[in-house]
Amino acid sequence: MNSPDLTGRLYLTGQLLVRSGIEIGRLLDAMREDGDTVTANLQAGGLFLSRLLEVDTAAESILIAYAEHKAANAAALAARNVTFRCFHRGAQYGFTAGQPRNAVHAGEPAIRFAFPTEVLAMQQRRAHPRFQIPQQAPLHCEFRIGEVELEARVVDISLDGMGTLLYDGGVRLAPGMRLERVRILHPRHAVVLVGLEVRHVTRVLLPGGKPATRVGCRVVSARSDLEKLIRLFVIDL
């Protein structure tokens, strides 16, 4: 279970629900590099066959090439969400992407989608599963900078211990800072104490237009504690 690689972890567990945006980005980029085919069954347009052209985690979008059949492209653009499947390096993956819109890549037509928030990964030997996808509970952390106590939302943790926080406090964090004894709180789990090494800080706008700070960091903790956090974002089904 402590494999730092998603493929290795999937081999051990057989089935995963991936909610880590970092890991989803790595996975989709590997599909793009390998030139894997992505497919979708569209009621109006039949079977959509294509490939990934671009994975942009910063812009939270993916770019998929036009299919050969016009009806499939029209159906994909008319859909609210499209569920794709991909066979990649010996396993089956499924993900849903929304907000399709026309785009251009290297002078060729393409479709841009919002970045998927979940990927279902399954070993090829497994039958199609029937299960209820668990709800994602809010994960927060508390830490102090001098005399000021801050709270942030933990939005991502990858298998290699990279994490992402969102907070709207006035205190500025800077790359290179080390946060000690950060309390990570989950409504159904015990508090986990970790250290955080700040790697990068970006100002962002939340969906409602509210400004916030996005902090990329490395989680420093015992591997057993890190594994508890990883399992909230990479779930063994």
Protein backbone atom coordinates (compact mmCIF):
# COMPACT_ATOMS: atom_id res chain seq x y z
CA MET A 1 0.00 0.00 0.00
CA ASN A 2 3.00 2.33 0.44
CA SER A 3 3.85 2.37 -3.27
CA PRO A 4 4.74 5.94 -4.40
CA ASP A 5 3.49 5.01 -7.88
CA LEU A 6 -0.20 4.82 -8.79
CA THR A 7 0.32 1.82 -11.08
CA GLY A 8 2.12 -0.10 -8.35
CA ARG A 9 -0.56 0.73 -5.82
CA LEU A 10 -3.29 -0.36 -8.21
CA TYR A 11 -1.49 -3.68 -8.77
CA LEU A 12 -1.65 -4.32 -5.02
CA THR A 13 -5.25 -3.22 -4.44
CA GLY A 14 -6.96 -4.02 -7.77
CA GLN A 15 -9.25 -1.00 -7.70
CA LEU A 16 -8.81 2.64 -6.72
CA LEU A 17 -10.80 5.84 -6.62
CA VAL A 18 -8.32 8.67 -7.20
CA ARG A 19 -9.27 12.12 -5.94
CA SER A 20 -5.78 13.59 -5.79
CA GLY A 21 -5.55 16.25 -8.48
CA ILE A 22 -1.77 15.85 -8.52
CA GLU A 23 -2.04 12.12 -9.23
CA ILE A 24 -4.85 12.63 -11.78
CA GLY A 25 -2.67 15.14 -13.63
CA ARG A 26 0.27 12.73 -13.68
CA LEU A 27 -1.93 9.90 -14.88
CA LEU A 28 -3.60 11.86 -17.68
CA ASP A 29 -0.25 13.24 -18.80
CA ALA A 30 1.11 9.68 -19.02
CA MET A 31 -1.90 8.74 -21.19
CA ARG A 32 -1.14 11.73 -23.40
CA GLU A 33 2.54 10.81 -23.72
CA ASP A 34 1.68 7.20 -24.57
CA GLY A 35 -0.88 8.30 -27.18
CA ASP A 36 -3.56 6.15 -25.56
CA THR A 37 -7.05 6.12 -27.02
CA VAL A 38 -9.84 7.61 -24.92
CA THR A 39 -13.40 6.56 -25.68
CA ALA A 40 -16.89 7.66 -24.68
CA ASN A 41 -20.32 6.26 -25.48
CA LEU A 42 -22.55 9.15 -26.52
CA GLN A 43 -26.23 8.34 -27.06
CA ALA A 44 -26.74 10.84 -29.87
CA GLY A 45 -23.32 10.61 -31.53
CA GLY A 46 -22.40 6.97 -31.02
CA LEU A 47 -18.85 6.07 -30.02
CA PHE A 48 -16.36 8.89 -29.52
CA LEU A 49 -12.72 7.80 -30.11
CA SER A 50 -9.91 10.26 -29.58
CA ARG A 51 -6.74 11.05 -27.60
CA LEU A 52 -5.50 13.58 -25.07
CA LEU A 53 -3.61 16.56 -26.48
CA GLU A 54 -2.97 18.64 -23.39
CA VAL A 55 -3.28 18.33 -19.61
CA ASP A 56 -3.16 21.72 -17.88
CA THR A 57 -3.40 21.35 -14.10
CA ALA A 58 -2.83 25.08 -13.52
CA ALA A 59 -5.76 26.05 -15.76
CA GLU A 60 -7.72 23.00 -14.53
CA SER A 61 -8.53 21.81 -18.03
CA ILE A 62 -7.76 19.04 -20.52
CA LEU A 63 -7.74 19.17 -24.31
CA ILE A 64 -9.00 16.25 -26.38
CA ALA A 65 -8.67 15.95 -30.16
CA TYR A 66 -11.72 15.91 -32.38
CA ALA A 67 -12.99 12.44 -33.24
CA GLU A 68 -13.15 11.40 -36.90
CA HIS A 69 -16.96 11.44 -36.92
CA LYS A 70 -18.70 14.83 -36.86
CA ALA A 71 -21.76 13.46 -35.06
CA ALA A 72 -19.59 12.29 -32.16
CA ASN A 73 -17.93 15.71 -31.84
CA ALA A 74 -21.30 17.48 -31.94
CA ALA A 75 -22.68 15.14 -29.27
CA ALA A 76 -19.65 15.66 -27.03
CA LEU A 77 -19.90 19.44 -27.31
CA ALA A 78 -23.65 19.34 -26.59
CA ALA A 79 -23.25 17.17 -23.48
CA ARG A 80 -23.03 18.59 -19.99
CA ASN A 81 -20.50 15.94 -18.98
CA VAL A 82 -18.71 13.19 -20.89
CA THR A 83 -17.46 9.99 -19.25
CA PHE A 84 -14.28 8.70 -20.84
CA ARG A 85 -12.58 5.32 -20.61
CA CYS A 86 -8.95 4.54 -21.32
CA PHE A 87 -6.85 1.37 -21.27
CA HIS A 88 -3.44 2.47 -20.01
CA ARG A 89 -0.43 0.34 -19.09
CA GLY A 90 -2.43 -2.77 -18.30
CA ALA A 91 -5.34 -1.20 -16.43
CA GLN A 92 -8.72 0.41 -17.16
CA TYR A 93 -9.40 4.01 -16.17
CA GLY A 94 -12.60 6.02 -16.22
CA PHE A 95 -13.12 9.74 -15.65
CA THR A 96 -15.84 12.32 -16.24
CA ALA A 97 -15.07 15.76 -17.65
CA GLY A 98 -17.54 18.62 -18.04
CA GLN A 99 -17.93 22.07 -19.59
CA PRO A 100 -16.97 21.02 -23.16
CA ARG A 101 -16.17 23.85 -25.54
CA ASN A 102 -14.49 24.25 -28.90
CA ALA A 103 -10.75 24.86 -28.98
CA VAL A 104 -7.79 24.70 -31.35
CA HIS A 105 -4.51 22.81 -30.88
CA ALA A 106 -1.64 23.20 -33.36
CA GLY A 107 -4.11 24.50 -35.92
CA GLU A 108 -6.47 21.54 -35.53
CA PRO A 109 -9.94 21.52 -33.90
CA ALA A 110 -10.17 20.12 -30.39
CA ILE A 111 -12.48 20.08 -27.38
CA ARG A 112 -11.50 21.58 -24.05
CA PHE A 113 -13.00 20.10 -20.88
CA ALA A 114 -12.81 21.02 -17.21
CA PHE A 115 -10.25 18.98 -15.32
CA PRO A 116 -11.77 15.75 -13.91
CA THR A 117 -12.02 15.59 -10.13
CA GLU A 118 -12.11 11.78 -9.86
CA VAL A 119 -10.61 8.84 -11.73
CA LEU A 120 -11.68 5.24 -11.23
CA ALA A 121 -8.76 2.85 -11.77
CA MET A 122 -9.28 -0.89 -12.13
CA GLN A 123 -7.11 -3.86 -13.00
CA GLN A 124 -8.11 -5.44 -16.30
CA ARG A 125 -8.95 -8.74 -14.66
CA ARG A 126 -11.61 -7.14 -12.45
CA ALA A 127 -15.28 -7.24 -13.44
CA HIS A 128 -17.06 -3.90 -13.68
CA PRO A 129 -17.69 -2.87 -10.07
CA ARG A 130 -20.92 -2.11 -8.30
CA PHE A 131 -20.37 0.09 -5.32
CA GLN A 132 -21.36 3.38 -3.81
CA ILE A 133 -18.68 6.02 -4.24
CA PRO A 134 -17.78 7.39 -0.79
CA GLN A 135 -18.45 11.02 -0.07
CA GLN A 136 -15.45 13.31 0.18
CA ALA A 137 -15.32 14.76 3.68
CA PRO A 138 -13.77 18.20 4.28
CA LEU A 139 -10.13 18.10 5.37
CA HIS A 140 -8.69 21.10 7.21
CA CYS A 141 -5.45 21.99 8.92
CA GLU A 142 -4.50 24.41 11.69
CA PHE A 143 -1.07 25.98 12.19
CA ARG A 144 0.60 28.97 13.82
CA ILE A 145 2.84 31.65 12.39
CA GLY A 146 4.19 33.60 15.35
CA GLU A 147 1.20 34.54 17.47
CA VAL A 148 -1.31 34.10 14.63
CA GLU A 149 -3.27 30.87 14.24
CA LEU A 150 -4.41 30.05 10.73
CA GLU A 151 -6.79 27.50 9.25
CA ALA A 152 -6.57 26.16 5.70
CA ARG A 153 -8.40 23.63 3.57
CA VAL A 154 -6.36 20.64 2.45
CA VAL A 155 -7.40 20.05 -1.17
CA ASP A 156 -4.79 17.54 -2.33
CA ILE A 157 -2.13 15.05 -1.23
CA SER A 158 -0.18 12.88 -3.66
CA LEU A 159 1.45 9.49 -3.16
CA ASP A 160 4.89 11.09 -2.81
CA GLY A 161 3.73 13.51 -0.11
CA MET A 162 3.09 16.68 -2.11
CA GLY A 163 0.11 18.62 -0.81
CA THR A 164 -2.00 21.64 -1.67
CA LEU A 165 -3.69 24.04 0.78
CA LEU A 166 -6.21 26.82 0.22
CA TYR A 167 -6.62 29.63 2.73
CA ASP A 168 -7.87 33.21 2.78
CA GLY A 169 -5.93 34.58 5.74
CA GLY A 170 -4.04 37.87 5.66
CA VAL A 171 -0.75 36.34 6.81
CA ARG A 172 1.53 35.68 3.86
CA LEU A 173 3.34 32.39 3.39
CA ALA A 174 6.50 32.27 1.30
CA PRO A 175 8.43 29.49 -0.46
CA GLY A 176 11.02 27.98 1.85
CA MET A 177 8.98 28.40 5.03
CA ARG A 178 8.68 25.39 7.32
CA LEU A 179 5.46 24.97 9.30
CA GLU A 180 5.80 22.78 12.39
CA ARG A 181 3.16 20.78 14.25
CA VAL A 182 0.42 21.38 11.70
CA ARG A 183 -2.80 19.77 12.88
CA ILE A 184 -4.73 18.05 10.09
CA LEU A 185 -8.36 17.46 11.04
CA HIS A 186 -10.87 15.09 9.48
CA PRO A 187 -14.42 14.59 10.81
CA ARG A 188 -14.06 10.80 10.90
CA HIS A 189 -10.38 10.37 11.83
CA ALA A 190 -8.01 11.30 14.61
CA VAL A 191 -5.92 14.46 14.31
CA VAL A 192 -2.64 13.95 12.43
CA LEU A 193 0.39 16.12 13.26
CA VAL A 194 2.76 16.88 10.37
CA GLY A 195 5.33 19.37 9.20
CA LEU A 196 4.88 21.29 5.95
CA GLU A 197 7.62 22.68 3.70
CA VAL A 198 6.19 25.49 1.55
CA ARG A 199 7.26 25.10 -2.11
CA HIS A 200 5.16 27.67 -3.98
CA VAL A 201 2.42 30.22 -3.23
CA THR A 202 -0.16 31.52 -5.73
CA ARG A 203 -3.06 33.93 -5.41
CA VAL A 204 -6.24 32.50 -6.94
CA LEU A 205 -9.93 33.31 -7.25
CA LEU A 206 -12.45 30.82 -5.90
CA PRO A 207 -15.53 29.95 -8.02
CA GLY A 208 -17.57 32.68 -6.30
CA GLY A 209 -14.92 35.29 -7.06
CA LYS A 210 -13.45 35.36 -3.54
CA PRO A 211 -9.63 35.69 -3.46
CA ALA A 212 -7.62 32.96 -1.77
CA THR A 213 -4.06 31.68 -1.51
CA ARG A 214 -3.04 28.34 -2.97
CA VAL A 215 -0.03 26.78 -1.27
CA GLY A 216 1.94 23.87 -2.68
CA CYS A 217 3.92 22.07 -0.01
CA ARG A 218 5.66 18.85 0.93
CA VAL A 219 4.23 16.92 3.87
CA VAL A 220 6.90 15.88 6.36
CA SER A 221 5.72 13.11 8.67
CA ALA A 222 6.11 9.47 9.55
CA ARG A 223 5.16 7.30 6.58
CA SER A 224 2.30 5.78 8.59
CA ASP A 225 0.78 9.23 9.18
CA LEU A 226 1.29 10.23 5.56
CA GLU A 227 -0.42 7.02 4.45
CA LYS A 228 -3.49 7.93 6.54
CA LEU A 229 -3.75 11.21 4.62
CA ILE A 230 -3.07 9.65 1.21
CA ARG A 231 -5.93 7.20 1.73
CA LEU A 232 -8.34 10.12 1.87
CA PHE A 233 -7.41 11.07 -1.71
CA VAL A 234 -6.44 7.68 -3.20
CA ILE A 235 -9.10 5.29 -1.94
CA ASP A 236 -8.86 1.52 -2.11
CA LEU A 237 -12.25 0.17 -3.24
